Amino acid sequence: MAPKTVVRTVYRLPRTTPTREAMLDALDADLLDSFGATVHLPEALGVPAVYITCGMEQSEAPWCASMARTTGIAVTEHVRRTAALLLLTLDGTVYAIGCDQGYRLVPDHLKDKRFGLSFAIRQMDPEMIRGAVSRSLGQARTDISLVPGGAPVPLLGIRDHSRVVGSLGGFLDDVPLTHSRYKRGKAVSAHGGCGLRIALGIEPRDLLSDLRTITRICREDSPHPELEFIDHIAPVDDPVVLAALEADLDERLGRPADGQISVAVPTEHHAAFTEATTYLTRINSTEAYGSDAFDLDYVLGRARLAPPGGRLAALRAGKVTLARERLAGPADTLAVTSALTWLETVLTIDSRRFFLTDGAWYEAGVAYVEECRAAVAGLFSPTPAISLPAWHKGESEYLYNNRVADDRPGWLCLDTETVANPLRPRDQLEICDLLMPDGTLVLVKRAGGSGPLSHLFGQARVAVEVLQESGETAARFRAKVQRLSGGKRLLPEGFTPRRVILAMLLKGRETLTPETVFGFSQITIAQTAKALRARGVTVEVIGIAEASVIPVSQEGEMALLR
């Protein structure tokens, strides 16, 4: 049976006029000529479309001559790569679909940089992310996380107010695409960044239907709550701010290099970067400059030669070609990029900080408050995992925790029970106040300010880290649990917690909500939860009510403790 779908990468070209003539004019004619491309005008799709095909051939692979000198054996092998690109207009928008090397025929500046990512954050299962590429603002660093079997978002470490996520790969929720109609019950995977790599219908009617569905999802659906944070850091789009940033950068490019501009690999081309051995850079020149790596000094030097007001434009139009061999032909080219996409820098305008990365400007700090608030709100479940009894007025933390454990079968009170600090054995660490039957650590605190809560959050983080990183400490903790439970609780070898519950009573606050948590504590609890999620540990916050009456049965115990 002939397949109904095939995996392709589709791009959206929002700035291209939806006519055949405009689509052709938008492409690089010199590049097409160098590849010997053939232009076709298909009618089968029923929409304006342009189909370009070409074969890139070399009579002798670049390695033949050097290996003949090394081995004394002359061998000639030819190289042939193919490329195909389908441009089509649908409902007033132009889309590009590449086959093999066809993606190289689409100039980067035409692409909607967040098209594939926009689809991914709306349809990808946040518990089954297979890969992510992200950038840390101001650090000129690209981080790549790969988990072939899929993993929850927190384990990838990409949820950060200063991190720009460039692409996501993973499994999709149920999407009404052609693949889903014919492959019922089978997981659908996709990778979304600038482009969207996904199984698309082969027949014209199916392909157009899939593109319309993808576009509708990007336009109408809301991002998944667990992936919404990716949209919080979006490129600056205010034309006034952009004009000011570009004017400042153009002026900076005219000054001698001072270390304020650094190099970062373009997000789309990290695979080509790992394979490339030659860089051919051409900026305001007919000749390309060859180097073994991206040469920042050369690029900045060429920019300084451009007239004021034209330096940034020269870098944006400048080309950096990544290739396998210095004497590379078309078949050995890995990627062709804009020189500007390799640069990172920071500019400040009226106390606002902006970062240039991947050729786009981002503002730092605008998502910080929103991200913290969202992180704190996410720790309060509408259906809490547990509920704890009211805390009697004047009751000590020790008495309260023992009362909770006595009333719940299988719970163990570990308040004031410590294990040796692996860094300094004479110091002791308290792992938790209560241990639930499923291994959840419960930490309890009554606080009138941020100080005690900071201690609580620090304790939670340290407890998880030492149990995961110090086998000796984990063994001592298991032994203590076994002894204190009279042998009834036997934690498994290699035990580490999978959940931490922070139970808090805030003095002067009737109920505990994300809004009533002390301001400084909102920041520290968000940071703690992020750090623990990155270790595979979920965090939940619950409130404890305060009772105003001391039970008669406890008055004698309290008097003894005083």
Protein backbone atom coordinates (compact mmCIF):
# COMPACT_ATOMS: atom_id res chain seq x y z
CA MET A 1 0.00 0.00 0.00
CA ALA A 2 1.43 3.36 -1.02
CA PRO A 3 2.22 5.68 1.93
CA LYS A 4 -0.22 8.49 2.63
CA THR A 5 2.28 10.81 4.31
CA VAL A 6 5.97 11.67 4.27
CA VAL A 7 8.06 13.60 6.79
CA ARG A 8 8.94 17.03 5.45
CA THR A 9 10.09 20.38 6.83
CA VAL A 10 7.72 23.25 6.08
CA TYR A 11 8.51 26.96 6.52
CA ARG A 12 6.18 29.94 6.52
CA LEU A 13 7.33 32.96 4.50
CA PRO A 14 5.11 35.80 5.77
CA ARG A 15 6.92 38.62 3.95
CA THR A 16 6.69 37.03 0.51
CA THR A 17 3.90 38.19 -1.80
CA PRO A 18 1.66 35.20 -2.65
CA THR A 19 2.23 35.12 -6.41
CA ARG A 20 4.42 32.90 -8.56
CA GLU A 21 6.47 35.85 -9.76
CA ALA A 22 7.09 37.16 -6.23
CA MET A 23 8.02 33.73 -4.92
CA LEU A 24 10.66 33.32 -7.63
CA ASP A 25 11.96 36.86 -7.15
CA ALA A 26 12.40 36.24 -3.41
CA LEU A 27 14.89 33.43 -3.98
CA ASP A 28 18.62 33.85 -4.56
CA ALA A 29 18.96 33.71 -8.35
CA ASP A 30 22.75 33.35 -8.21
CA LEU A 31 22.46 30.37 -5.86
CA LEU A 32 19.89 28.70 -8.11
CA ASP A 33 22.12 29.25 -11.13
CA SER A 34 25.14 27.78 -9.33
CA PHE A 35 23.13 24.64 -8.63
CA GLY A 36 21.75 24.45 -12.16
CA ALA A 37 18.20 24.54 -10.82
CA THR A 38 15.16 23.85 -12.98
CA VAL A 39 11.93 25.76 -12.35
CA HIS A 40 8.55 24.01 -12.74
CA LEU A 41 5.04 25.45 -12.42
CA PRO A 42 2.78 22.69 -11.05
CA GLU A 43 -0.99 22.83 -11.54
CA ALA A 44 -2.01 19.73 -9.55
CA LEU A 45 -2.21 21.62 -6.23
CA GLY A 46 -4.83 24.04 -7.51
CA VAL A 47 -3.03 26.99 -5.89
CA PRO A 48 -0.18 29.21 -7.16
CA ALA A 49 2.97 27.13 -6.76
CA VAL A 50 6.60 26.98 -7.88
CA TYR A 51 8.60 23.73 -7.85
CA ILE A 52 12.40 23.91 -8.07
CA THR A 53 14.67 20.88 -8.51
CA CYS A 54 18.40 20.50 -8.93
CA GLY A 55 21.28 18.08 -8.61
CA MET A 56 24.63 19.17 -7.16
CA GLU A 57 27.46 17.17 -8.63
CA GLN A 58 31.23 17.01 -8.34
CA SER A 59 33.34 14.78 -10.55
CA GLU A 60 35.72 14.10 -7.68
CA ALA A 61 35.04 14.17 -3.94
CA PRO A 62 37.27 16.69 -2.09
CA TRP A 63 38.94 13.94 -0.06
CA CYS A 64 40.21 12.00 -3.08
CA ALA A 65 43.37 14.04 -3.75
CA SER A 66 44.54 14.24 -0.11
CA MET A 67 43.88 10.55 0.55
CA ALA A 68 45.77 9.61 -2.62
CA ARG A 69 48.82 11.41 -1.20
CA THR A 70 48.38 9.68 2.17
CA THR A 71 47.85 6.14 0.89
CA GLY A 72 49.56 6.22 -2.50
CA ILE A 73 46.34 4.88 -4.01
CA ALA A 74 44.48 7.10 -6.46
CA VAL A 75 40.72 6.67 -6.24
CA THR A 76 38.14 8.91 -7.87
CA GLU A 77 34.61 9.01 -6.50
CA HIS A 78 32.04 11.52 -7.62
CA VAL A 79 29.55 13.28 -5.34
CA ARG A 80 25.91 13.97 -6.07
CA ARG A 81 23.37 15.63 -3.81
CA THR A 82 19.84 16.62 -4.75
CA ALA A 83 17.54 19.43 -3.75
CA ALA A 84 13.88 20.18 -4.28
CA LEU A 85 11.81 23.08 -3.07
CA LEU A 86 8.06 23.54 -3.36
CA LEU A 87 6.71 27.05 -2.82
CA LEU A 88 2.95 27.43 -2.65
CA THR A 89 0.41 30.02 -1.58
CA LEU A 90 -2.50 29.10 0.64
CA ASP A 91 -5.09 31.55 1.93
CA GLY A 92 -2.77 34.48 1.22
CA THR A 93 0.35 32.99 2.86
CA VAL A 94 3.41 31.47 1.23
CA TYR A 95 4.80 28.15 2.47
CA ALA A 96 8.03 26.41 1.50
CA ILE A 97 8.63 22.66 1.68
CA GLY A 98 12.13 21.33 1.11
CA CYS A 99 13.36 17.88 0.15
CA ASP A 100 16.95 16.75 0.80
CA GLN A 101 19.03 19.94 0.39
CA GLY A 102 16.02 22.00 -0.64
CA TYR A 103 15.95 23.92 2.64
CA ARG A 104 19.18 25.64 1.55
CA LEU A 105 17.34 27.31 -1.31
CA VAL A 106 15.17 29.36 1.08
CA PRO A 107 16.90 32.57 2.27
CA ASP A 108 16.86 32.78 6.09
CA HIS A 109 15.48 36.32 6.16
CA LEU A 110 12.25 35.16 4.47
CA LYS A 111 11.35 32.62 7.17
CA ASP A 112 9.01 33.11 10.11
CA LYS A 113 11.55 32.27 12.83
CA ARG A 114 8.95 30.95 15.28
CA PHE A 115 6.50 29.17 12.98
CA GLY A 116 7.43 25.60 13.92
CA LEU A 117 7.95 26.51 17.57
CA SER A 118 4.53 28.17 17.71
CA PHE A 119 2.93 24.91 16.61
CA ALA A 120 5.06 22.82 18.97
CA ILE A 121 4.12 24.67 22.16
CA ARG A 122 0.43 24.27 21.29
CA GLN A 123 0.42 20.60 20.33
CA MET A 124 3.45 18.88 21.88
CA ASP A 125 2.98 16.70 24.94
CA PRO A 126 5.02 18.47 27.68
CA GLU A 127 5.65 15.12 29.37
CA MET A 128 7.24 13.64 26.24
CA ILE A 129 9.77 16.19 24.96
CA ARG A 130 12.54 14.45 23.01
CA GLY A 131 14.83 17.39 22.41
CA ALA A 132 15.29 21.13 22.82
CA VAL A 133 17.69 23.79 21.62
CA SER A 134 17.92 26.94 23.72
CA ARG A 135 20.08 30.03 24.12
CA SER A 136 21.12 31.75 27.34
CA LEU A 137 20.83 35.50 26.85
CA GLY A 138 24.16 37.26 27.16
CA GLN A 139 26.23 34.07 27.41
CA ALA A 140 26.81 33.28 23.70
CA ARG A 141 25.90 29.68 24.51
CA THR A 142 23.66 27.17 22.79
CA ASP A 143 22.37 24.26 24.90
CA ILE A 144 21.11 21.08 23.24
CA SER A 145 19.13 18.51 25.23
CA LEU A 146 18.32 15.12 23.71
CA VAL A 147 16.11 12.49 25.35
CA PRO A 148 15.15 9.91 22.68
CA GLY A 149 12.43 8.33 24.80
CA GLY A 150 10.90 11.65 25.83
CA ALA A 151 10.97 13.47 29.17
CA PRO A 152 8.95 16.11 31.06
CA VAL A 153 9.85 19.74 30.38
CA PRO A 154 11.42 20.36 33.83
CA LEU A 155 14.08 17.70 33.26
CA LEU A 156 15.37 19.57 30.20
CA GLY A 157 16.30 22.65 32.25
CA ILE A 158 14.90 25.09 29.69
CA ARG A 159 12.38 26.89 31.88
CA ASP A 160 14.27 30.06 32.65
CA HIS A 161 13.33 33.72 32.29
CA SER A 162 16.67 34.45 30.58
CA ARG A 163 16.65 31.53 28.16
CA VAL A 164 15.34 31.66 24.59
CA VAL A 165 14.03 28.31 23.36
CA GLY A 166 14.74 27.94 19.65
CA SER A 167 13.23 24.54 18.94
CA LEU A 168 11.40 21.61 20.52
CA GLY A 169 11.06 18.01 19.41
CA GLY A 170 8.67 15.48 20.85
CA PHE A 171 5.40 13.63 20.59
CA LEU A 172 2.17 15.38 19.71
CA ASP A 173 -1.24 15.34 21.27
CA ASP A 174 -4.03 14.07 19.01
CA VAL A 175 -3.76 16.34 15.95
CA PRO A 176 -6.30 16.08 13.09
CA LEU A 177 -3.68 15.68 10.36
CA THR A 178 -3.50 13.14 7.54
CA HIS A 179 -1.03 11.01 9.51
CA SER A 180 -3.50 10.68 12.40
CA ARG A 181 -6.30 9.53 10.10
CA TYR A 182 -4.26 6.66 8.68
CA LYS A 183 -2.04 5.79 11.67
CA ARG A 184 -4.58 5.58 14.47
CA GLY A 185 -3.09 4.68 17.84
CA LYS A 186 0.47 5.44 16.78
CA ALA A 187 2.39 8.33 18.33
CA VAL A 188 3.04 11.27 16.03
CA SER A 189 6.35 13.06 16.45
CA ALA A 190 7.43 16.48 15.23
CA HIS A 191 10.21 19.01 15.59
CA GLY A 192 9.36 22.68 15.65
CA GLY A 193 11.72 25.64 15.45
CA CYS A 194 11.97 28.04 12.56
CA GLY A 195 10.52 25.30 10.39
CA LEU A 196 8.18 22.48 11.33
CA ARG A 197 9.37 18.93 10.59
CA ILE A 198 6.34 16.68 10.58
CA ALA A 199 4.55 14.00 8.54
CA LEU A 200 2.49 15.77 5.85
CA GLY A 201 -0.01 14.41 3.38
CA ILE A 202 1.36 13.42 -0.03
CA GLU A 203 -1.77 13.93 -2.12
CA PRO A 204 -2.47 17.60 -2.98
CA ARG A 205 -5.77 17.67 -1.09
CA ASP A 206 -4.20 16.12 2.04
CA LEU A 207 -1.19 18.44 1.96
CA LEU A 208 -3.33 21.58 1.72
CA SER A 209 -5.62 20.29 4.47
CA ASP A 210 -2.63 19.66 6.77
CA LEU A 211 -1.19 23.13 6.15
CA ARG A 212 -4.55 24.73 6.92
CA THR A 213 -4.86 22.72 10.15
CA ILE A 214 -1.35 23.69 11.27
CA THR A 215 -2.03 27.36 10.51
CA ARG A 216 -5.36 27.29 12.37
CA ILE A 217 -3.71 25.74 15.44
CA CYS A 218 -0.99 28.42 15.48
CA ARG A 219 -3.60 31.17 15.10
CA GLU A 220 -6.42 30.01 17.37
CA ASP A 221 -5.15 27.54 19.99
CA SER A 222 -3.52 28.60 23.24
CA PRO A 223 -0.08 27.27 24.20
CA HIS A 224 -0.03 24.31 26.55
CA PRO A 225 0.22 25.63 30.14
CA GLU A 226 3.50 23.75 30.69
CA LEU A 227 5.00 25.25 27.51
CA GLU A 228 3.52 28.74 27.69
CA PHE A 229 6.70 30.12 29.24
CA ILE A 230 8.43 29.80 25.84
CA ASP A 231 6.21 32.58 24.49
CA HIS A 232 7.11 34.88 27.38
CA ILE A 233 10.45 35.72 25.79
CA ALA A 234 9.62 36.98 22.32
CA PRO A 235 11.67 39.13 19.95
CA VAL A 236 11.28 42.90 20.31
CA ASP A 237 8.78 44.15 17.71
CA ASP A 238 8.42 47.85 18.65
CA PRO A 239 9.68 49.69 15.53
CA VAL A 240 10.86 52.69 17.55
CA VAL A 241 12.90 50.52 19.93
CA LEU A 242 14.25 48.43 17.07
CA ALA A 243 15.37 51.54 15.19
CA ALA A 244 17.19 52.82 18.28
CA LEU A 245 18.88 49.45 18.88
CA GLU A 246 20.04 49.13 15.30
CA ALA A 247 21.39 52.70 15.27
CA ASP A 248 23.34 52.02 18.48
CA LEU A 249 24.70 48.73 17.15
CA ASP A 250 25.70 50.33 13.86
CA GLU A 251 27.66 52.94 15.80
CA ARG A 252 29.31 50.25 17.98
CA LEU A 253 30.33 48.31 14.86
CA GLY A 254 32.26 51.36 13.71
CA ARG A 255 34.51 51.33 16.79
CA PRO A 256 37.57 49.09 17.33
CA ALA A 257 36.68 45.69 18.77
CA ASP A 258 36.35 45.91 22.55
CA GLY A 259 35.03 42.45 23.47
CA GLN A 260 31.40 43.55 23.74
CA ILE A 261 30.42 41.57 20.67
CA SER A 262 30.83 37.79 20.87
CA VAL A 263 30.14 34.72 18.72
CA ALA A 264 27.24 32.28 19.06
CA VAL A 265 26.26 29.48 16.70
CA PRO A 266 22.95 30.18 14.92
CA THR A 267 20.27 27.96 16.43
CA GLU A 268 19.18 26.49 13.11
CA HIS A 269 22.68 25.45 12.13
CA HIS A 270 24.20 23.72 15.16
CA ALA A 271 24.29 20.41 13.25
CA ALA A 272 26.21 22.00 10.38
CA PHE A 273 28.54 23.67 12.88
CA THR A 274 29.63 20.32 14.33
CA GLU A 275 30.45 18.97 10.87
CA ALA A 276 32.00 22.01 9.19
CA THR A 277 35.76 22.28 8.71
CA THR A 278 35.75 25.37 6.50
CA TYR A 279 34.06 28.77 6.77
CA LEU A 280 33.78 31.01 3.71
CA THR A 281 32.84 34.57 4.69
CA ARG A 282 31.83 37.24 2.21
CA ILE A 283 30.92 40.73 3.39
CA ASN A 284 30.86 43.62 0.91
CA SER A 285 33.25 41.68 -1.30
CA THR A 286 33.20 39.51 -4.41
CA GLU A 287 35.82 37.22 -2.87
CA ALA A 288 35.15 34.89 0.05
CA TYR A 289 37.55 34.72 2.98
CA GLY A 290 38.34 31.16 4.04
CA SER A 291 39.04 30.08 7.63
CA ASP A 292 38.91 26.97 9.79
CA ALA A 293 36.42 28.56 12.19
CA PHE A 294 34.13 31.57 12.32
CA ASP A 295 36.50 34.56 12.35
CA LEU A 296 34.96 37.30 14.48
CA ASP A 297 37.87 39.72 13.95
CA TYR A 298 37.52 39.45 10.20
CA VAL A 299 33.73 40.01 10.33
CA LEU A 300 34.04 43.06 12.59
CA GLY A 301 36.86 44.41 10.46
CA ARG A 302 34.72 44.18 7.33
CA ALA A 303 31.85 45.90 9.16
CA ARG A 304 34.11 48.82 10.14
CA LEU A 305 34.91 49.41 6.46
CA ALA A 306 31.25 50.03 5.69
CA PRO A 307 29.97 53.63 5.91
CA PRO A 308 28.09 54.79 9.04
CA GLY A 309 24.50 53.67 8.86
CA GLY A 310 25.40 50.79 6.54
CA ARG A 311 27.45 48.56 8.82
CA LEU A 312 24.58 46.53 10.20
CA ALA A 313 23.09 46.16 6.74
CA ALA A 314 26.43 44.86 5.47
CA LEU A 315 26.47 42.12 8.14
CA ARG A 316 22.84 41.23 7.54
CA ALA A 317 23.53 40.83 3.81
CA GLY A 318 26.93 39.19 4.40
CA LYS A 319 27.13 35.43 3.94
CA VAL A 320 28.94 32.77 5.96
CA THR A 321 29.08 29.40 4.23
CA LEU A 322 29.82 26.27 6.27
CA ALA A 323 31.43 23.46 4.28
CA ARG A 324 33.10 20.10 4.74
CA GLU A 325 36.21 20.94 2.72
CA ARG A 326 38.10 24.14 1.89
CA LEU A 327 37.85 23.48 -1.86
CA ALA A 328 34.21 22.62 -1.47
CA GLY A 329 31.73 22.51 -4.30
CA PRO A 330 27.96 22.86 -3.98
CA ALA A 331 27.62 19.24 -2.81
CA ASP A 332 29.90 19.90 0.18
CA THR A 333 28.11 23.01 1.42
CA LEU A 334 26.41 22.41 4.77
CA ALA A 335 24.72 25.77 5.35
CA VAL A 336 24.67 29.37 4.14
CA THR A 337 23.93 31.90 6.88
CA SER A 338 23.74 35.63 7.40
CA ALA A 339 26.85 36.96 9.13
CA LEU A 340 24.65 38.85 11.62
CA THR A 341 23.15 35.64 13.03
CA TRP A 342 26.57 34.71 14.47
CA LEU A 343 26.85 37.79 16.68
CA GLU A 344 25.68 38.40 20.23
CA THR A 345 25.80 41.65 22.16
CA VAL A 346 24.03 43.60 24.89
CA LEU A 347 22.75 47.19 24.63
CA THR A 348 21.05 49.37 27.24
CA ILE A 349 18.44 52.00 26.41
CA ASP A 350 16.90 54.03 29.27
CA SER A 351 17.89 51.36 31.84
CA ARG A 352 16.30 48.60 29.71
CA ARG A 353 18.68 45.80 28.64
CA PHE A 354 18.42 44.23 25.21
CA PHE A 355 20.23 41.21 23.80
CA LEU A 356 20.99 40.51 20.16
CA THR A 357 21.03 36.77 19.45
CA ASP A 358 20.24 34.76 16.32
CA GLY A 359 19.78 38.03 14.45
CA ALA A 360 16.88 39.16 16.67
CA TRP A 361 16.59 41.49 19.67
CA TYR A 362 15.20 40.37 23.03
CA GLU A 363 14.58 42.40 26.16
CA ALA A 364 15.88 41.01 29.43
CA GLY A 365 13.80 41.08 32.58
CA VAL A 366 10.34 41.58 31.10
CA ALA A 367 9.40 37.95 31.73
CA TYR A 368 11.04 37.61 35.14
CA VAL A 369 8.14 38.74 37.34
CA GLU A 370 5.56 36.94 35.24
CA GLU A 371 7.65 33.78 35.21
CA CYS A 372 8.08 33.81 39.01
CA ARG A 373 4.39 34.35 39.58
CA ALA A 374 3.48 31.57 37.16
CA ALA A 375 6.00 29.24 38.80
CA VAL A 376 4.62 29.92 42.29
CA ALA A 377 1.00 29.54 41.14
CA GLY A 378 1.87 26.17 39.60
CA LEU A 379 2.96 24.84 43.01
CA PHE A 380 -0.56 25.22 44.42
CA SER A 381 -2.71 22.36 43.17
CA PRO A 382 -6.51 22.83 43.01
CA THR A 383 -6.70 19.30 44.46
CA PRO A 384 -3.85 19.10 47.02
CA ALA A 385 -2.15 15.74 47.42
CA ILE A 386 -2.65 15.88 51.21
CA SER A 387 -4.35 18.00 53.84
CA LEU A 388 -2.85 18.60 57.25
CA PRO A 389 -4.70 19.40 60.47
CA ALA A 390 -4.83 22.88 61.98
CA TRP A 391 -1.80 23.97 64.02
CA HIS A 392 -2.81 24.71 67.59
CA LYS A 393 -1.80 28.04 69.02
CA GLY A 394 1.37 27.63 71.11
CA GLU A 395 2.02 24.13 69.80
CA SER A 396 5.67 23.48 68.92
CA GLU A 397 6.71 22.28 65.50
CA TYR A 398 7.97 19.04 67.04
CA LEU A 399 4.63 18.30 68.76
CA TYR A 400 2.69 19.21 65.65
CA ASN A 401 4.70 16.87 63.41
CA ASN A 402 4.42 13.99 65.87
CA ARG A 403 0.66 14.51 66.10
CA VAL A 404 0.36 14.43 62.31
CA ALA A 405 2.39 11.20 62.06
CA ASP A 406 0.46 9.52 64.90
CA ASP A 407 -2.84 10.18 63.15
CA ARG A 408 -1.75 8.81 59.75
CA PRO A 409 -0.90 5.13 59.24
CA GLY A 410 2.49 4.60 57.61
CA TRP A 411 3.69 8.18 58.21
CA LEU A 412 6.97 8.68 60.08
CA CYS A 413 8.00 11.78 62.01
CA LEU A 414 11.65 12.69 61.36
CA ASP A 415 11.61 16.17 62.92
CA THR A 416 14.98 16.77 64.68
CA GLU A 417 16.26 13.42 63.33
CA THR A 418 19.46 14.12 61.40
CA VAL A 419 22.16 12.48 59.29
CA ALA A 420 25.79 13.51 58.93
CA ASN A 421 26.66 16.21 56.40
CA PRO A 422 28.81 14.54 53.70
CA LEU A 423 30.91 17.71 53.42
CA ARG A 424 31.46 18.09 57.16
CA PRO A 425 30.47 15.00 59.18
CA ARG A 426 30.40 16.86 62.50
CA ASP A 427 27.52 18.94 61.12
CA GLN A 428 24.10 17.36 60.84
CA LEU A 429 21.37 17.62 58.21
CA GLU A 430 17.65 17.26 58.75
CA ILE A 431 16.17 15.64 55.62
CA CYS A 432 12.48 16.23 56.32
CA ASP A 433 9.88 16.60 59.04
CA LEU A 434 7.54 13.86 57.83
CA LEU A 435 8.00 10.89 55.52
CA MET A 436 4.92 9.64 53.71
CA PRO A 437 4.35 5.95 52.85
CA ASP A 438 5.15 6.60 49.16
CA GLY A 439 8.52 8.22 49.98
CA THR A 440 7.33 11.83 49.67
CA LEU A 441 9.28 14.25 51.86
CA VAL A 442 7.09 16.69 53.79
CA LEU A 443 8.75 19.80 55.23
CA VAL A 444 6.75 21.86 57.71
CA LYS A 445 7.26 25.46 58.79
CA ARG A 446 5.38 28.16 60.70
CA ALA A 447 6.76 31.55 59.68
CA GLY A 448 6.15 35.21 60.24
CA GLY A 449 8.54 36.38 57.53
CA SER A 450 10.75 35.37 54.64
CA GLY A 451 13.71 34.21 56.77
CA PRO A 452 12.25 30.92 58.08
CA LEU A 453 10.82 30.15 54.64
CA SER A 454 14.21 30.64 53.00
CA HIS A 455 15.57 28.08 55.46
CA LEU A 456 12.72 25.72 54.54
CA PHE A 457 13.36 26.03 50.80
CA GLY A 458 17.09 25.60 51.30
CA GLN A 459 16.50 22.50 53.40
CA ALA A 460 14.34 20.97 50.66
CA ARG A 461 16.96 21.55 48.01
CA VAL A 462 19.83 20.26 50.14
CA ALA A 463 17.86 17.18 51.19
CA VAL A 464 17.19 16.16 47.60
CA GLU A 465 20.72 16.89 46.43
CA VAL A 466 22.50 14.92 49.17
CA LEU A 467 20.18 11.94 48.79
CA GLN A 468 20.83 11.90 45.03
CA GLU A 469 24.54 12.67 45.08
CA SER A 470 25.86 11.04 48.29
CA GLY A 471 25.36 7.30 48.48
CA GLU A 472 26.70 7.29 52.05
CA THR A 473 24.17 9.89 53.21
CA ALA A 474 21.34 8.05 51.46
CA ALA A 475 22.36 4.79 53.19
CA ARG A 476 22.38 6.52 56.60
CA PHE A 477 18.95 7.98 55.92
CA ARG A 478 17.53 4.57 54.97
CA ALA A 479 19.04 3.04 58.11
CA LYS A 480 17.54 5.79 60.29
CA VAL A 481 14.09 5.33 58.77
CA GLN A 482 14.28 1.57 59.38
CA ARG A 483 15.38 2.03 63.01
CA LEU A 484 12.85 4.74 63.91
CA SER A 485 9.99 2.78 62.35
CA GLY A 486 10.92 -0.33 64.29
CA GLY A 487 11.74 -2.12 61.04
CA LYS A 488 8.34 -1.39 59.49
CA ARG A 489 9.69 1.06 56.87
CA LEU A 490 12.34 -0.30 54.51
CA LEU A 491 13.29 2.20 51.84
CA PRO A 492 14.63 0.52 48.69
CA GLU A 493 18.32 0.55 47.82
CA GLY A 494 19.04 3.67 45.78
CA PHE A 495 15.98 5.50 47.16
CA THR A 496 15.66 9.15 46.16
CA PRO A 497 12.50 11.22 46.60
CA ARG A 498 10.26 11.95 43.64
CA ARG A 499 8.07 14.52 45.40
CA VAL A 500 8.51 17.19 48.05
CA ILE A 501 5.59 18.86 49.82
CA LEU A 502 6.19 22.19 51.53
CA ALA A 503 3.57 22.71 54.22
CA MET A 504 3.43 26.24 55.61
CA LEU A 505 1.53 28.29 58.14
CA LEU A 506 2.09 32.01 57.60
CA LYS A 507 1.42 34.09 60.69
CA GLY A 508 -1.05 36.88 60.07
CA ARG A 509 -2.33 35.33 56.83
CA GLU A 510 -5.76 33.68 56.93
CA THR A 511 -5.05 31.36 54.02
CA LEU A 512 -1.99 30.41 52.02
CA THR A 513 -2.23 31.38 48.35
CA PRO A 514 0.34 32.36 45.70
CA GLU A 515 -0.50 35.99 46.45
CA THR A 516 -0.10 35.74 50.25
CA VAL A 517 3.39 34.21 50.12
CA PHE A 518 5.90 36.86 51.21
CA GLY A 519 7.40 38.76 48.26
CA PHE A 520 11.01 37.65 48.71
CA SER A 521 9.84 34.10 49.33
CA GLN A 522 7.98 34.05 46.01
CA ILE A 523 11.33 34.42 44.26
CA THR A 524 13.17 31.85 46.38
CA ILE A 525 10.41 29.25 46.22
CA ALA A 526 10.27 29.61 42.42
CA GLN A 527 14.03 29.09 42.22
CA THR A 528 13.86 26.08 44.55
CA ALA A 529 11.07 24.44 42.58
CA LYS A 530 12.93 24.96 39.31
CA ALA A 531 16.10 23.42 40.71
CA LEU A 532 14.23 20.39 42.08
CA ARG A 533 12.22 19.86 38.90
CA ALA A 534 15.49 19.75 36.98
CA ARG A 535 16.40 16.81 39.25
CA GLY A 536 13.14 15.02 38.52
CA VAL A 537 11.44 16.00 41.78
CA THR A 538 8.01 17.63 41.79
CA VAL A 539 7.17 20.28 44.37
CA GLU A 540 3.79 21.09 45.88
CA VAL A 541 2.87 23.77 48.41
CA ILE A 542 0.00 23.39 50.87
CA GLY A 543 -1.26 25.65 53.61
CA ILE A 544 -1.82 24.85 57.27
CA ALA A 545 -4.59 26.59 59.18
CA GLU A 546 -4.03 27.94 62.69
CA ALA A 547 -6.33 26.89 65.51
CA SER A 548 -6.80 29.34 68.36
CA VAL A 549 -7.54 26.77 71.10
CA ILE A 550 -4.96 24.49 72.75
CA PRO A 551 -6.38 21.01 73.45
CA VAL A 552 -6.33 20.11 77.15
CA SER A 553 -4.44 16.87 76.34
CA GLN A 554 -1.45 18.88 75.06
CA GLU A 555 -1.14 21.46 77.84
CA GLY A 556 0.87 19.11 80.09
CA GLU A 557 3.21 18.11 77.26
CA MET A 558 3.85 21.76 76.40
CA ALA A 559 4.57 22.61 80.01
CA LEU A 560 7.20 19.87 80.16
CA LEU A 561 8.84 21.10 76.98
CA ARG A 562 9.07 24.63 78.38
